[in-house]
Amino acid sequence: INDSSQQMNIFDLPPEWAEIDIDGLAEIRFSMTHVLQIYKQVQKGQSFLTPEQIQESINAFAFDIAENKLLEREREKATKRGGFFDPIRYFMGILLKRGVPYSPPDNYESPKERALRKYLERQRTIQARRQKLEDEALGLAFEDWVHNITPEEKKSIIKMDEKDAKNPEFVQKVLKGHFGTEVWPTKRLDIMGP
């Protein structure tokens, strides 16, 4: 249970309203009192916002503040007009006066999307690092193997006529192919385990 849901119980809100997580807007002092105001508007039939829309609005507004520097931008605009910017009034005005959810910015990611994106980025980084290490291990193992096979073994692997034997690129390609399919799988297990 987060701090905001413990605080909600004192307002005697229905569970779906009491579970709204307001922690993302702690910076602007958004509280359960504000959620209660919205809930009362809904009860009076003056708003049709759902708890899910309120939660998404909170998440989107918090994202806009953190990622898009909304407070700084709006305060700068207000200062140029000779006024000040009150983020609570701005946010509540959208929810209560307009009666609509806060529109997320174009670059918005929900907390779940953000967590998934970060997970995928970490996995891609781990996978790329692992692949780089494995490629390097394969290259070194190949070099070690090539230097330790006999000319007879090399000939039996290459199975070529003398013309092909004079083409080092061809020989290297054939040896790498053989190593990759016949030698590396066992060598890889020896190095990295199953």
N, C-alpha and C. Protein backbone atom coordinates (compact mmCIF):
# COMPACT_ATOMS: atom_id res chain seq x y z
N ILE A 1 0.85 -1.18 0.00
CA ILE A 1 0.00 0.00 0.00
C ILE A 1 0.89 1.23 0.00
N ASN A 2 0.62 2.17 -0.92
CA ASN A 2 1.43 3.39 -0.96
C ASN A 2 0.85 4.43 -0.01
N ASP A 3 1.61 5.48 0.24
CA ASP A 3 1.20 6.53 1.17
C ASP A 3 -0.14 7.13 0.78
N SER A 4 -0.34 7.32 -0.51
CA SER A 4 -1.57 7.98 -0.95
C SER A 4 -2.80 7.12 -0.67
N SER A 5 -2.72 5.80 -0.79
CA SER A 5 -3.90 4.98 -0.53
C SER A 5 -4.20 4.91 0.96
N GLN A 6 -3.19 5.01 1.82
CA GLN A 6 -3.45 5.06 3.26
C GLN A 6 -4.14 6.37 3.60
N GLN A 7 -3.70 7.45 2.97
CA GLN A 7 -4.30 8.75 3.21
C GLN A 7 -5.75 8.76 2.73
N MET A 8 -6.08 8.04 1.68
CA MET A 8 -7.41 8.05 1.10
C MET A 8 -8.47 7.49 2.02
N ASN A 9 -8.11 6.56 2.84
CA ASN A 9 -9.09 5.93 3.70
C ASN A 9 -9.80 6.94 4.60
N ILE A 10 -9.14 8.02 4.95
CA ILE A 10 -9.77 9.02 5.80
C ILE A 10 -10.87 9.78 5.06
N PHE A 11 -10.92 9.69 3.74
CA PHE A 11 -11.93 10.39 2.96
C PHE A 11 -13.14 9.51 2.67
N ASP A 12 -13.06 8.25 3.08
CA ASP A 12 -14.17 7.31 2.88
C ASP A 12 -14.57 7.22 1.40
N LEU A 13 -13.57 7.15 0.56
CA LEU A 13 -13.79 7.00 -0.87
C LEU A 13 -14.03 5.54 -1.21
N PRO A 14 -14.76 5.26 -2.29
CA PRO A 14 -14.88 3.88 -2.74
C PRO A 14 -13.48 3.33 -3.08
N PRO A 15 -13.28 2.03 -2.99
CA PRO A 15 -11.94 1.46 -3.21
C PRO A 15 -11.27 1.87 -4.51
N GLU A 16 -12.01 1.91 -5.61
CA GLU A 16 -11.38 2.26 -6.90
C GLU A 16 -10.88 3.71 -6.91
N TRP A 17 -11.49 4.57 -6.11
CA TRP A 17 -11.02 5.95 -5.98
C TRP A 17 -9.91 6.02 -4.94
N ALA A 18 -10.03 5.23 -3.90
CA ALA A 18 -9.02 5.23 -2.83
C ALA A 18 -7.69 4.66 -3.31
N GLU A 19 -7.71 3.88 -4.37
CA GLU A 19 -6.48 3.26 -4.89
C GLU A 19 -5.74 4.13 -5.89
N ILE A 20 -6.26 5.30 -6.19
CA ILE A 20 -5.57 6.21 -7.12
C ILE A 20 -4.24 6.61 -6.49
N ASP A 21 -3.18 6.43 -7.25
CA ASP A 21 -1.83 6.73 -6.78
C ASP A 21 -1.48 8.17 -7.16
N ILE A 22 -1.38 9.02 -6.16
CA ILE A 22 -1.10 10.44 -6.40
C ILE A 22 0.37 10.78 -6.19
N ASP A 23 1.18 9.82 -5.84
CA ASP A 23 2.58 10.08 -5.50
C ASP A 23 3.34 10.79 -6.62
N GLY A 24 2.96 10.55 -7.87
CA GLY A 24 3.65 11.19 -9.00
C GLY A 24 3.52 12.70 -9.02
N LEU A 25 2.51 13.22 -8.31
CA LEU A 25 2.31 14.67 -8.28
C LEU A 25 2.60 15.28 -6.91
N ALA A 26 3.38 14.57 -6.09
CA ALA A 26 3.75 15.09 -4.77
C ALA A 26 4.49 16.42 -4.90
N GLU A 27 5.27 16.56 -5.96
CA GLU A 27 6.05 17.78 -6.19
C GLU A 27 5.18 19.04 -6.23
N ILE A 28 3.97 18.89 -6.74
CA ILE A 28 3.09 20.07 -6.83
C ILE A 28 2.04 20.07 -5.72
N ARG A 29 2.19 19.17 -4.78
CA ARG A 29 1.31 19.07 -3.61
C ARG A 29 -0.12 18.66 -3.98
N PHE A 30 -0.24 17.84 -5.00
CA PHE A 30 -1.54 17.26 -5.32
C PHE A 30 -1.85 16.25 -4.22
N SER A 31 -3.07 16.29 -3.71
CA SER A 31 -3.39 15.43 -2.56
C SER A 31 -4.71 14.69 -2.78
N MET A 32 -5.04 13.87 -1.78
CA MET A 32 -6.31 13.15 -1.85
C MET A 32 -7.50 14.11 -1.72
N THR A 33 -7.28 15.26 -1.17
CA THR A 33 -8.34 16.27 -1.12
C THR A 33 -8.77 16.64 -2.54
N HIS A 34 -7.81 16.71 -3.44
CA HIS A 34 -8.12 17.01 -4.84
C HIS A 34 -8.90 15.85 -5.48
N VAL A 35 -8.49 14.64 -5.16
CA VAL A 35 -9.21 13.47 -5.67
C VAL A 35 -10.64 13.50 -5.14
N LEU A 36 -10.81 13.85 -3.88
CA LEU A 36 -12.14 13.94 -3.28
C LEU A 36 -12.99 14.99 -4.00
N GLN A 37 -12.40 16.13 -4.36
CA GLN A 37 -13.13 17.16 -5.11
C GLN A 37 -13.64 16.59 -6.43
N ILE A 38 -12.79 15.86 -7.11
CA ILE A 38 -13.18 15.27 -8.40
C ILE A 38 -14.29 14.24 -8.18
N TYR A 39 -14.12 13.42 -7.17
CA TYR A 39 -15.11 12.39 -6.86
C TYR A 39 -16.48 13.03 -6.58
N LYS A 40 -16.48 14.13 -5.80
CA LYS A 40 -17.74 14.80 -5.48
C LYS A 40 -18.41 15.34 -6.74
N GLN A 41 -17.62 15.85 -7.68
CA GLN A 41 -18.18 16.34 -8.96
C GLN A 41 -18.83 15.19 -9.72
N VAL A 42 -18.19 14.02 -9.68
CA VAL A 42 -18.73 12.84 -10.35
C VAL A 42 -20.04 12.44 -9.67
N GLN A 43 -20.05 12.45 -8.33
CA GLN A 43 -21.25 12.07 -7.58
C GLN A 43 -22.43 13.00 -7.90
N LYS A 44 -22.13 14.27 -8.12
CA LYS A 44 -23.18 15.25 -8.44
C LYS A 44 -23.62 15.17 -9.90
N GLY A 45 -22.93 14.36 -10.69
CA GLY A 45 -23.25 14.27 -12.11
C GLY A 45 -22.68 15.41 -12.92
N GLN A 46 -21.75 16.17 -12.32
CA GLN A 46 -21.13 17.30 -13.01
C GLN A 46 -19.87 16.90 -13.76
N SER A 47 -19.47 15.66 -13.58
CA SER A 47 -18.30 15.13 -14.28
C SER A 47 -18.52 13.64 -14.50
N PHE A 48 -17.94 13.14 -15.55
CA PHE A 48 -18.09 11.72 -15.85
C PHE A 48 -16.74 11.01 -15.90
N LEU A 49 -15.76 11.62 -15.25
CA LEU A 49 -14.42 11.02 -15.24
C LEU A 49 -14.42 9.77 -14.36
N THR A 50 -13.68 8.78 -14.81
CA THR A 50 -13.56 7.53 -14.05
C THR A 50 -12.27 7.54 -13.25
N PRO A 51 -12.16 6.68 -12.24
CA PRO A 51 -10.89 6.59 -11.50
C PRO A 51 -9.71 6.26 -12.42
N GLU A 52 -9.97 5.43 -13.44
CA GLU A 52 -8.90 5.07 -14.38
C GLU A 52 -8.44 6.30 -15.16
N GLN A 53 -9.39 7.14 -15.57
CA GLN A 53 -9.03 8.36 -16.30
C GLN A 53 -8.27 9.33 -15.39
N ILE A 54 -8.65 9.39 -14.14
CA ILE A 54 -7.94 10.25 -13.19
C ILE A 54 -6.51 9.73 -13.01
N GLN A 55 -6.36 8.42 -12.84
CA GLN A 55 -5.02 7.86 -12.66
C GLN A 55 -4.16 8.11 -13.89
N GLU A 56 -4.72 7.89 -15.07
CA GLU A 56 -3.96 8.14 -16.30
C GLU A 56 -3.61 9.62 -16.43
N SER A 57 -4.53 10.49 -16.03
CA SER A 57 -4.27 11.93 -16.08
C SER A 57 -3.13 12.30 -15.13
N ILE A 58 -3.15 11.74 -13.94
CA ILE A 58 -2.07 11.99 -12.97
C ILE A 58 -0.74 11.51 -13.54
N ASN A 59 -0.74 10.31 -14.09
CA ASN A 59 0.49 9.75 -14.66
C ASN A 59 1.00 10.62 -15.82
N ALA A 60 0.08 11.04 -16.69
CA ALA A 60 0.47 11.84 -17.86
C ALA A 60 0.97 13.22 -17.44
N PHE A 61 0.31 13.84 -16.46
CA PHE A 61 0.71 15.16 -16.00
C PHE A 61 2.08 15.07 -15.31
N ALA A 62 2.26 14.06 -14.49
CA ALA A 62 3.56 13.85 -13.82
C ALA A 62 4.66 13.63 -14.86
N PHE A 63 4.36 12.88 -15.90
CA PHE A 63 5.32 12.64 -16.99
C PHE A 63 5.66 13.96 -17.68
N ASP A 64 4.63 14.75 -17.97
CA ASP A 64 4.83 16.04 -18.64
C ASP A 64 5.70 16.97 -17.80
N ILE A 65 5.50 16.93 -16.50
CA ILE A 65 6.32 17.76 -15.60
C ILE A 65 7.77 17.28 -15.61
N ALA A 66 7.96 15.97 -15.46
CA ALA A 66 9.31 15.42 -15.35
C ALA A 66 10.06 15.41 -16.67
N GLU A 67 9.41 14.98 -17.72
CA GLU A 67 10.11 14.76 -18.99
C GLU A 67 10.08 15.96 -19.93
N ASN A 68 9.01 16.72 -19.88
CA ASN A 68 8.84 17.82 -20.83
C ASN A 68 8.98 19.20 -20.17
N LYS A 69 9.38 19.21 -18.93
CA LYS A 69 9.62 20.46 -18.19
C LYS A 69 8.41 21.40 -18.26
N LEU A 70 7.22 20.83 -18.07
CA LEU A 70 5.98 21.59 -18.15
C LEU A 70 5.96 22.76 -17.18
N LEU A 71 6.37 22.54 -15.93
CA LEU A 71 6.32 23.63 -14.94
C LEU A 71 7.18 24.80 -15.38
N GLU A 72 8.39 24.52 -15.82
CA GLU A 72 9.29 25.59 -16.25
C GLU A 72 8.71 26.36 -17.43
N ARG A 73 8.17 25.63 -18.40
CA ARG A 73 7.59 26.28 -19.60
C ARG A 73 6.42 27.17 -19.23
N GLU A 74 5.51 26.62 -18.45
CA GLU A 74 4.30 27.37 -18.09
C GLU A 74 4.61 28.54 -17.18
N ARG A 75 5.58 28.37 -16.27
CA ARG A 75 5.97 29.49 -15.40
C ARG A 75 6.60 30.61 -16.22
N GLU A 76 7.38 30.24 -17.21
CA GLU A 76 8.00 31.25 -18.08
C GLU A 76 6.93 32.02 -18.85
N LYS A 77 5.94 31.31 -19.39
CA LYS A 77 4.84 31.98 -20.10
C LYS A 77 4.08 32.92 -19.17
N ALA A 78 3.80 32.44 -17.96
CA ALA A 78 3.04 33.25 -17.00
C ALA A 78 3.82 34.50 -16.61
N THR A 79 5.12 34.35 -16.42
CA THR A 79 5.96 35.50 -16.05
C THR A 79 5.94 36.54 -17.15
N LYS A 80 5.99 36.12 -18.39
CA LYS A 80 5.94 37.07 -19.52
C LYS A 80 4.62 37.83 -19.56
N ARG A 81 3.55 37.18 -19.07
CA ARG A 81 2.23 37.84 -19.03
C ARG A 81 2.05 38.64 -17.74
N GLY A 82 3.04 38.56 -16.86
CA GLY A 82 2.95 39.28 -15.59
C GLY A 82 2.18 38.53 -14.52
N GLY A 83 2.01 37.24 -14.69
CA GLY A 83 1.27 36.44 -13.71
C GLY A 83 2.13 35.33 -13.14
N PHE A 84 1.47 34.33 -12.62
CA PHE A 84 2.19 33.16 -12.12
C PHE A 84 1.43 31.90 -12.54
N PHE A 85 2.10 30.80 -12.50
CA PHE A 85 1.53 29.52 -12.91
C PHE A 85 1.30 28.66 -11.69
N ASP A 86 0.07 28.24 -11.50
CA ASP A 86 -0.29 27.34 -10.41
C ASP A 86 -0.62 25.97 -11.02
N PRO A 87 0.28 25.00 -10.87
CA PRO A 87 0.05 23.71 -11.52
C PRO A 87 -1.21 22.98 -11.05
N ILE A 88 -1.57 23.15 -9.77
CA ILE A 88 -2.79 22.49 -9.27
C ILE A 88 -4.02 23.09 -9.95
N ARG A 89 -4.08 24.41 -10.01
CA ARG A 89 -5.23 25.05 -10.67
C ARG A 89 -5.30 24.65 -12.14
N TYR A 90 -4.15 24.59 -12.79
CA TYR A 90 -4.08 24.20 -14.20
C TYR A 90 -4.63 22.78 -14.38
N PHE A 91 -4.12 21.85 -13.57
CA PHE A 91 -4.51 20.44 -13.67
C PHE A 91 -5.98 20.25 -13.29
N MET A 92 -6.39 20.82 -12.17
CA MET A 92 -7.78 20.67 -11.72
C MET A 92 -8.74 21.37 -12.68
N GLY A 93 -8.29 22.46 -13.29
CA GLY A 93 -9.12 23.15 -14.27
C GLY A 93 -9.46 22.25 -15.45
N ILE A 94 -8.48 21.49 -15.87
CA ILE A 94 -8.73 20.56 -16.98
C ILE A 94 -9.71 19.48 -16.55
N LEU A 95 -9.47 18.92 -15.37
CA LEU A 95 -10.31 17.81 -14.91
C LEU A 95 -11.71 18.25 -14.49
N LEU A 96 -11.81 19.38 -13.78
CA LEU A 96 -13.11 19.79 -13.24
C LEU A 96 -13.86 20.75 -14.15
N LYS A 97 -13.21 21.80 -14.61
CA LYS A 97 -13.92 22.80 -15.40
C LYS A 97 -14.22 22.29 -16.81
N ARG A 98 -13.21 21.68 -17.40
CA ARG A 98 -13.42 21.14 -18.75
C ARG A 98 -14.09 19.77 -18.68
N GLY A 99 -13.85 19.05 -17.57
CA GLY A 99 -14.47 17.73 -17.39
C GLY A 99 -13.88 16.65 -18.27
N VAL A 100 -12.63 16.85 -18.67
CA VAL A 100 -11.97 15.87 -19.54
C VAL A 100 -10.66 15.42 -18.89
N PRO A 101 -10.19 14.24 -19.28
CA PRO A 101 -8.88 13.79 -18.76
C PRO A 101 -7.77 14.68 -19.30
N TYR A 102 -6.66 14.70 -18.60
CA TYR A 102 -5.47 15.41 -19.07
C TYR A 102 -4.94 14.69 -20.31
N SER A 103 -4.74 15.43 -21.38
CA SER A 103 -4.23 14.81 -22.62
C SER A 103 -2.74 14.57 -22.49
N PRO A 104 -2.34 13.33 -22.63
CA PRO A 104 -0.90 13.06 -22.52
C PRO A 104 -0.13 13.67 -23.69
N PRO A 105 1.10 14.08 -23.44
CA PRO A 105 1.91 14.61 -24.54
C PRO A 105 2.24 13.49 -25.53
N ASP A 106 2.67 13.90 -26.71
CA ASP A 106 2.98 12.92 -27.76
C ASP A 106 4.03 11.90 -27.34
N ASN A 107 4.96 12.32 -26.50
CA ASN A 107 6.03 11.40 -26.10
C ASN A 107 5.70 10.62 -24.83
N TYR A 108 4.45 10.65 -24.41
CA TYR A 108 4.04 10.01 -23.15
C TYR A 108 4.22 8.49 -23.18
N GLU A 109 4.72 7.99 -22.08
CA GLU A 109 4.77 6.55 -21.83
C GLU A 109 4.11 6.31 -20.48
N SER A 110 3.21 5.36 -20.43
CA SER A 110 2.62 5.02 -19.14
C SER A 110 3.70 4.36 -18.29
N PRO A 111 3.49 4.30 -16.98
CA PRO A 111 4.50 3.64 -16.14
C PRO A 111 4.79 2.20 -16.59
N LYS A 112 3.77 1.50 -17.04
CA LYS A 112 3.99 0.11 -17.51
C LYS A 112 4.79 0.09 -18.80
N GLU A 113 4.47 1.01 -19.72
CA GLU A 113 5.22 1.09 -20.98
C GLU A 113 6.67 1.45 -20.72
N ARG A 114 6.88 2.40 -19.83
CA ARG A 114 8.24 2.83 -19.50
C ARG A 114 9.03 1.68 -18.88
N ALA A 115 8.41 0.95 -17.97
CA ALA A 115 9.08 -0.19 -17.33
C ALA A 115 9.42 -1.25 -18.38
N LEU A 116 8.48 -1.50 -19.29
CA LEU A 116 8.72 -2.49 -20.34
C LEU A 116 9.84 -2.02 -21.28
N ARG A 117 9.82 -0.74 -21.66
CA ARG A 117 10.87 -0.21 -22.54
C ARG A 117 12.24 -0.32 -21.88
N LYS A 118 12.31 0.05 -20.60
CA LYS A 118 13.59 -0.03 -19.90
C LYS A 118 14.06 -1.47 -19.77
N TYR A 119 13.12 -2.37 -19.51
CA TYR A 119 13.47 -3.79 -19.44
C TYR A 119 14.04 -4.26 -20.78
N LEU A 120 13.36 -3.91 -21.86
CA LEU A 120 13.82 -4.33 -23.19
C LEU A 120 15.18 -3.72 -23.52
N GLU A 121 15.37 -2.46 -23.17
CA GLU A 121 16.68 -1.82 -23.41
C GLU A 121 17.78 -2.56 -22.65
N ARG A 122 17.51 -2.90 -21.38
CA ARG A 122 18.51 -3.63 -20.58
C ARG A 122 18.80 -4.99 -21.20
N GLN A 123 17.73 -5.69 -21.63
CA GLN A 123 17.92 -7.01 -22.22
C GLN A 123 18.70 -6.93 -23.52
N ARG A 124 18.41 -5.91 -24.34
CA ARG A 124 19.16 -5.73 -25.59
C ARG A 124 20.63 -5.44 -25.31
N THR A 125 20.89 -4.62 -24.30
CA THR A 125 22.27 -4.30 -23.92
C THR A 125 22.99 -5.55 -23.44
N ILE A 126 22.33 -6.32 -22.60
CA ILE A 126 22.92 -7.57 -22.09
C ILE A 126 23.17 -8.53 -23.24
N GLN A 127 22.18 -8.67 -24.11
CA GLN A 127 22.30 -9.59 -25.24
C GLN A 127 23.43 -9.15 -26.18
N ALA A 128 23.52 -7.85 -26.46
CA ALA A 128 24.58 -7.35 -27.35
C ALA A 128 25.96 -7.58 -26.73
N ARG A 129 26.07 -7.32 -25.42
CA ARG A 129 27.34 -7.54 -24.73
C ARG A 129 27.71 -9.02 -24.74
N ARG A 130 26.73 -9.87 -24.47
CA ARG A 130 26.96 -11.32 -24.48
C ARG A 130 27.38 -11.79 -25.87
N GLN A 131 26.68 -11.26 -26.90
CA GLN A 131 27.00 -11.65 -28.28
C GLN A 131 28.41 -11.20 -28.66
N LYS A 132 28.77 -10.00 -28.23
CA LYS A 132 30.11 -9.49 -28.52
C LYS A 132 31.17 -10.39 -27.86
N LEU A 133 30.93 -10.75 -26.63
CA LEU A 133 31.88 -11.63 -25.93
C LEU A 133 31.96 -13.00 -26.60
N GLU A 134 30.78 -13.51 -26.98
CA GLU A 134 30.78 -14.83 -27.63
C GLU A 134 31.48 -14.76 -28.98
N ASP A 135 31.26 -13.69 -29.74
CA ASP A 135 31.94 -13.53 -31.03
C ASP A 135 33.45 -13.46 -30.85
N GLU A 136 33.87 -12.74 -29.82
CA GLU A 136 35.30 -12.63 -29.55
C GLU A 136 35.88 -13.98 -29.12
N ALA A 137 35.13 -14.70 -28.29
CA ALA A 137 35.59 -16.03 -27.87
C ALA A 137 35.67 -16.98 -29.06
N LEU A 138 34.68 -16.91 -29.95
CA LEU A 138 34.69 -17.74 -31.16
C LEU A 138 35.91 -17.42 -32.01
N GLY A 139 36.18 -16.13 -32.19
CA GLY A 139 37.34 -15.73 -33.01
C GLY A 139 38.65 -16.23 -32.43
N LEU A 140 38.82 -16.08 -31.12
CA LEU A 140 40.06 -16.54 -30.49
C LEU A 140 40.18 -18.05 -30.50
N ALA A 141 39.06 -18.73 -30.26
CA ALA A 141 39.07 -20.19 -30.29
C ALA A 141 39.39 -20.70 -31.70
N PHE A 142 38.86 -20.01 -32.71
CA PHE A 142 39.15 -20.40 -34.09
C PHE A 142 40.64 -20.25 -34.39
N GLU A 143 41.20 -19.08 -34.00
CA GLU A 143 42.63 -18.85 -34.25
C GLU A 143 43.48 -19.92 -33.56
N ASP A 144 43.13 -20.24 -32.33
CA ASP A 144 43.86 -21.27 -31.59
C ASP A 144 43.75 -22.63 -32.29
N TRP A 145 42.55 -22.96 -32.72
CA TRP A 145 42.31 -24.24 -33.39
C TRP A 145 43.07 -24.32 -34.71
N VAL A 146 43.02 -23.25 -35.53
CA VAL A 146 43.70 -23.24 -36.84
C VAL A 146 45.20 -23.45 -36.66
N HIS A 147 45.77 -22.84 -35.64
CA HIS A 147 47.21 -22.97 -35.43
C HIS A 147 47.61 -24.34 -34.90
N ASN A 148 46.65 -25.10 -34.43
CA ASN A 148 46.98 -26.40 -33.85
C ASN A 148 46.57 -27.60 -34.71
N ILE A 149 45.95 -27.36 -35.86
CA ILE A 149 45.62 -28.52 -36.71
C ILE A 149 46.77 -28.77 -37.68
N THR A 150 46.90 -30.01 -38.06
CA THR A 150 48.00 -30.40 -38.96
C THR A 150 47.62 -30.09 -40.40
N PRO A 151 48.60 -30.02 -41.29
CA PRO A 151 48.30 -29.79 -42.71
C PRO A 151 47.39 -30.88 -43.29
N GLU A 152 47.56 -32.12 -42.82
CA GLU A 152 46.70 -33.22 -43.30
C GLU A 152 45.24 -33.00 -42.88
N GLU A 153 45.07 -32.56 -41.62
CA GLU A 153 43.70 -32.28 -41.16
C GLU A 153 43.09 -31.14 -41.98
N LYS A 154 43.92 -30.16 -42.26
CA LYS A 154 43.46 -29.01 -43.03
C LYS A 154 43.00 -29.47 -44.42
N LYS A 155 43.81 -30.34 -45.07
CA LYS A 155 43.46 -30.83 -46.41
C LYS A 155 42.17 -31.63 -46.38
N SER A 156 42.03 -32.47 -45.36
CA SER A 156 40.81 -33.30 -45.30
C SER A 156 39.56 -32.45 -45.05
N ILE A 157 39.73 -31.35 -44.33
CA ILE A 157 38.59 -30.45 -44.08
C ILE A 157 38.26 -29.69 -45.35
N ILE A 158 39.29 -29.21 -46.05
CA ILE A 158 39.07 -28.35 -47.20
C ILE A 158 38.62 -29.16 -48.41
N LYS A 159 39.14 -30.35 -48.61
CA LYS A 159 38.78 -31.22 -49.74
C LYS A 159 38.77 -30.44 -51.05
N MET A 160 39.93 -29.96 -51.42
CA MET A 160 40.00 -29.11 -52.60
C MET A 160 41.16 -29.50 -53.50
N ASP A 161 41.12 -28.94 -54.69
CA ASP A 161 42.26 -29.16 -55.59
C ASP A 161 43.30 -28.08 -55.31
N GLU A 162 44.43 -28.19 -55.99
CA GLU A 162 45.54 -27.28 -55.71
C GLU A 162 45.22 -25.83 -56.03
N LYS A 163 44.37 -25.60 -57.02
CA LYS A 163 44.01 -24.24 -57.39
C LYS A 163 43.30 -23.54 -56.22
N ASP A 164 42.36 -24.22 -55.58
CA ASP A 164 41.64 -23.64 -54.44
C ASP A 164 42.55 -23.46 -53.24
N ALA A 165 43.53 -24.35 -53.09
CA ALA A 165 44.43 -24.29 -51.93
C ALA A 165 45.30 -23.04 -51.98
N LYS A 166 45.45 -22.45 -53.15
CA LYS A 166 46.28 -21.25 -53.28
C LYS A 166 45.49 -19.97 -52.99
N ASN A 167 44.19 -20.09 -52.75
CA ASN A 167 43.35 -18.93 -52.45
C ASN A 167 43.13 -18.88 -50.93
N PRO A 168 43.89 -18.04 -50.22
CA PRO A 168 43.80 -18.01 -48.74
C PRO A 168 42.41 -17.62 -48.22
N GLU A 169 41.72 -16.75 -48.95
CA GLU A 169 40.38 -16.36 -48.51
C GLU A 169 39.43 -17.54 -48.55
N PHE A 170 39.53 -18.34 -49.60
CA PHE A 170 38.69 -19.53 -49.73
C PHE A 170 39.00 -20.52 -48.60
N VAL A 171 40.29 -20.74 -48.36
CA VAL A 171 40.71 -21.69 -47.32
C VAL A 171 40.18 -21.22 -45.95
N GLN A 172 40.36 -19.95 -45.67
CA GLN A 172 39.89 -19.40 -44.39
C GLN A 172 38.38 -19.57 -44.25
N LYS A 173 37.64 -19.30 -45.33
CA LYS A 173 36.19 -19.41 -45.29
C LYS A 173 35.75 -20.85 -45.01
N VAL A 174 36.38 -21.79 -45.66
CA VAL A 174 36.03 -23.21 -45.46
C VAL A 174 36.38 -23.65 -44.04
N LEU A 175 37.56 -23.24 -43.56
CA LEU A 175 37.96 -23.61 -42.20
C LEU A 175 37.01 -22.99 -41.15
N LYS A 176 36.64 -21.73 -41.35
CA LYS A 176 35.70 -21.09 -40.41
C LYS A 176 34.35 -21.78 -40.43
N GLY A 177 33.90 -22.16 -41.62
CA GLY A 177 32.63 -22.87 -41.72
C GLY A 177 32.67 -24.19 -40.97
N HIS A 178 33.75 -24.94 -41.17
CA HIS A 178 33.92 -26.22 -40.49
C HIS A 178 33.99 -26.01 -38.98
N PHE A 179 34.80 -25.04 -38.56
CA PHE A 179 34.96 -24.77 -37.14
C PHE A 179 33.61 -24.39 -36.51
N GLY A 180 32.88 -23.53 -37.20
CA GLY A 180 31.60 -23.06 -36.67
C GLY A 180 30.57 -24.15 -36.49
N THR A 181 30.56 -25.12 -37.40
CA THR A 181 29.54 -26.17 -37.31
C THR A 181 30.02 -27.43 -36.59
N GLU A 182 31.30 -27.77 -36.72
CA GLU A 182 31.79 -29.04 -36.18
C GLU A 182 32.55 -28.92 -34.87
N VAL A 183 33.29 -27.83 -34.69
CA VAL A 183 34.17 -27.71 -33.53
C VAL A 183 33.59 -26.77 -32.47
N TRP A 184 33.10 -25.62 -32.89
CA TRP A 184 32.66 -24.59 -31.95
C TRP A 184 31.56 -25.04 -31.00
N PRO A 185 30.53 -25.78 -31.43
CA PRO A 185 29.48 -26.15 -30.47
C PRO A 185 30.03 -26.85 -29.22
N THR A 186 30.98 -27.76 -29.41
CA THR A 186 31.58 -28.46 -28.27
C THR A 186 32.50 -27.53 -27.49
N LYS A 187 33.29 -26.77 -28.22
CA LYS A 187 34.22 -25.82 -27.59
C LYS A 187 33.44 -24.77 -26.80
N ARG A 188 32.33 -24.32 -27.36
CA ARG A 188 31.48 -23.32 -26.68
C ARG A 188 30.98 -23.86 -25.36
N LEU A 189 30.54 -25.11 -25.35
CA LEU A 189 30.09 -25.72 -24.10
C LEU A 189 31.22 -25.82 -23.09
N ASP A 190 32.43 -26.14 -23.57
CA ASP A 190 33.59 -26.21 -22.67
C ASP A 190 33.86 -24.84 -22.03
N ILE A 191 33.72 -23.78 -22.82
CA ILE A 191 34.01 -22.43 -22.34
C ILE A 191 32.90 -21.89 -21.45
N MET A 192 31.67 -21.97 -21.93
CA MET A 192 30.56 -21.31 -21.26
C MET A 192 29.65 -22.22 -20.47
N GLY A 193 29.76 -23.50 -20.67
CA GLY A 193 28.84 -24.41 -20.01
C GLY A 193 27.51 -24.45 -20.74
N PRO A 194 26.62 -25.31 -20.28
CA PRO A 194 25.33 -25.46 -20.96
C PRO A 194 24.42 -24.25 -20.81
